[in-house]
Every structure is written in C-alpha cells, then in structure tokens.
C-alpha cells in the first residue's frame, strides 16, 4: 500500500520498534523494492534495541524504565530483523 500510494517514491520509512513486526516486515518489503530506502527505528529511552543494533551486545544493566506504551523493550523479540534497520536515532 505504501509503495503504490507513493508510486515508489519512498526515501525512508520510520516506525516504532515495539516487537519489531511492523518495521521488519514493511522494511523488508521496501528494501526488496529499492535497496536505497532507509529504514529508521524509533524507540524510547531505556530500551535495549539501540545499543544492541550498534554493538550486537545485550546489556541487562542498561535497561531503564520507560513510559511510552507499545515501544521500548527489555527483551530482544526474535522477529526484529536488525539487518533491515539502518538507524536507531537517540
């Protein structure tokens, strides 16, 4: 739907990470259509995704409380495809 509605003119896709299903699924589809599309994940302070994405290491002691429901995880759900995600800004 995103691809058709934009006539393939999608420079980037931004989504909250949550359990990773949306960003991984849509990101994979869009990258198959155009590998130059950037996929950006958004997550709350205290979530472990950013550090894990950058280092590949899970630090349990660096999990902090977060308020936003639906994003921010203290686990690594198996359905997050980190190689699809280009950036996890602070």
Protein backbone atom coordinates (compact mmCIF):
# COMPACT_ATOMS: atom_id res chain seq x y z
CA UNK A 1 0.00 0.00 0.00
CA UNK A 2 2.77 2.49 0.90
CA UNK A 3 4.65 1.58 -2.28
CA UNK A 4 1.60 2.03 -4.51
CA UNK A 5 0.36 5.22 -2.84
CA UNK A 6 3.74 6.91 -3.25
CA UNK A 7 4.31 5.47 -6.73
CA UNK A 8 7.58 4.02 -5.45
CA UNK A 9 8.89 7.39 -4.27
CA UNK A 10 9.70 6.32 -0.73
CA UNK A 11 13.01 7.74 0.54
CA UNK A 12 12.68 6.35 4.07
CA UNK A 13 10.33 4.59 6.48
CA UNK A 14 10.17 5.42 10.19
CA UNK A 15 8.43 3.22 12.75
CA UNK A 16 8.43 2.47 16.45
CA UNK A 17 10.13 -0.82 17.19
CA UNK A 18 7.77 -2.44 19.68
CA UNK A 19 8.09 -6.17 18.97
CA UNK A 20 9.65 -5.46 15.58
CA UNK A 21 6.98 -6.95 13.33
CA UNK A 22 5.91 -3.78 11.54
CA UNK A 23 9.36 -2.30 10.94
CA UNK A 24 10.84 -5.66 9.95
CA UNK A 25 8.02 -6.66 7.60
CA UNK A 26 7.50 -3.31 5.90
CA UNK A 27 11.24 -2.62 5.88
CA UNK A 28 11.96 -5.94 4.17
CA UNK A 29 9.30 -5.30 1.53
CA UNK A 30 10.52 -1.77 0.83
CA UNK A 31 14.20 -2.82 0.67
CA UNK A 32 13.28 -5.53 -1.86
CA UNK A 33 11.64 -2.84 -3.99
CA UNK A 34 14.51 -0.34 -3.58
CA UNK A 35 17.62 -1.14 -1.55
CA UNK A 36 18.39 2.58 -1.15
CA UNK A 37 15.35 3.19 1.06
CA UNK A 38 16.41 3.96 4.63
CA UNK A 39 14.61 2.22 7.49
CA UNK A 40 14.71 4.12 10.78
CA UNK A 41 13.55 2.65 14.08
CA UNK A 42 12.26 4.79 16.93
CA UNK A 43 12.39 3.59 20.49
CA UNK A 44 12.07 5.00 23.97
CA UNK A 45 14.90 5.79 26.38
CA UNK A 46 15.68 2.66 28.35
CA UNK A 47 15.01 0.23 25.55
CA UNK A 48 17.85 -2.11 24.64
CA UNK A 49 17.34 -2.04 20.88
CA UNK A 50 19.65 0.87 20.01
CA UNK A 51 22.71 -0.46 21.83
CA UNK A 52 22.10 -3.99 20.56
CA UNK A 53 21.71 -2.72 16.97
CA UNK A 54 25.01 -0.84 17.20
CA UNK A 55 27.11 -3.35 19.15
CA UNK A 56 25.37 -6.73 18.98
CA UNK A 57 25.63 -6.95 22.76
CA UNK A 58 22.70 -7.13 25.20
CA UNK A 59 23.43 -5.31 28.49
CA UNK A 60 20.75 -6.11 31.07
CA UNK A 61 22.16 -3.48 33.44
CA UNK A 62 21.47 -0.75 30.88
CA UNK A 63 17.71 -1.23 30.79
CA UNK A 64 15.93 1.82 32.21
CA UNK A 65 12.25 2.46 32.94
CA UNK A 66 10.24 3.92 30.07
CA UNK A 67 6.77 5.42 29.98
CA UNK A 68 5.63 5.09 26.37
CA UNK A 69 3.42 2.02 25.86
CA UNK A 70 3.97 -0.09 22.76
CA UNK A 71 7.62 0.77 22.23
CA UNK A 72 10.61 0.19 24.44
CA UNK A 73 11.53 -3.36 25.24
CA UNK A 74 13.64 -5.03 27.88
CA UNK A 75 13.88 -8.20 25.79
CA UNK A 76 15.02 -8.92 22.23
CA UNK A 77 11.98 -10.28 20.36
CA UNK A 78 13.02 -12.84 17.75
CA UNK A 79 11.04 -11.15 14.98
CA UNK A 80 13.17 -7.96 14.93
CA UNK A 81 15.28 -8.12 11.78
CA UNK A 82 18.15 -5.82 12.76
CA UNK A 83 19.89 -6.02 9.37
CA UNK A 84 16.82 -4.33 7.78
CA UNK A 85 17.07 -1.34 10.15
CA UNK A 86 19.55 1.32 9.02
CA UNK A 87 19.41 3.58 12.06
CA UNK A 88 18.05 3.81 15.58
CA UNK A 89 18.45 7.51 16.45
CA UNK A 90 18.51 8.62 20.08
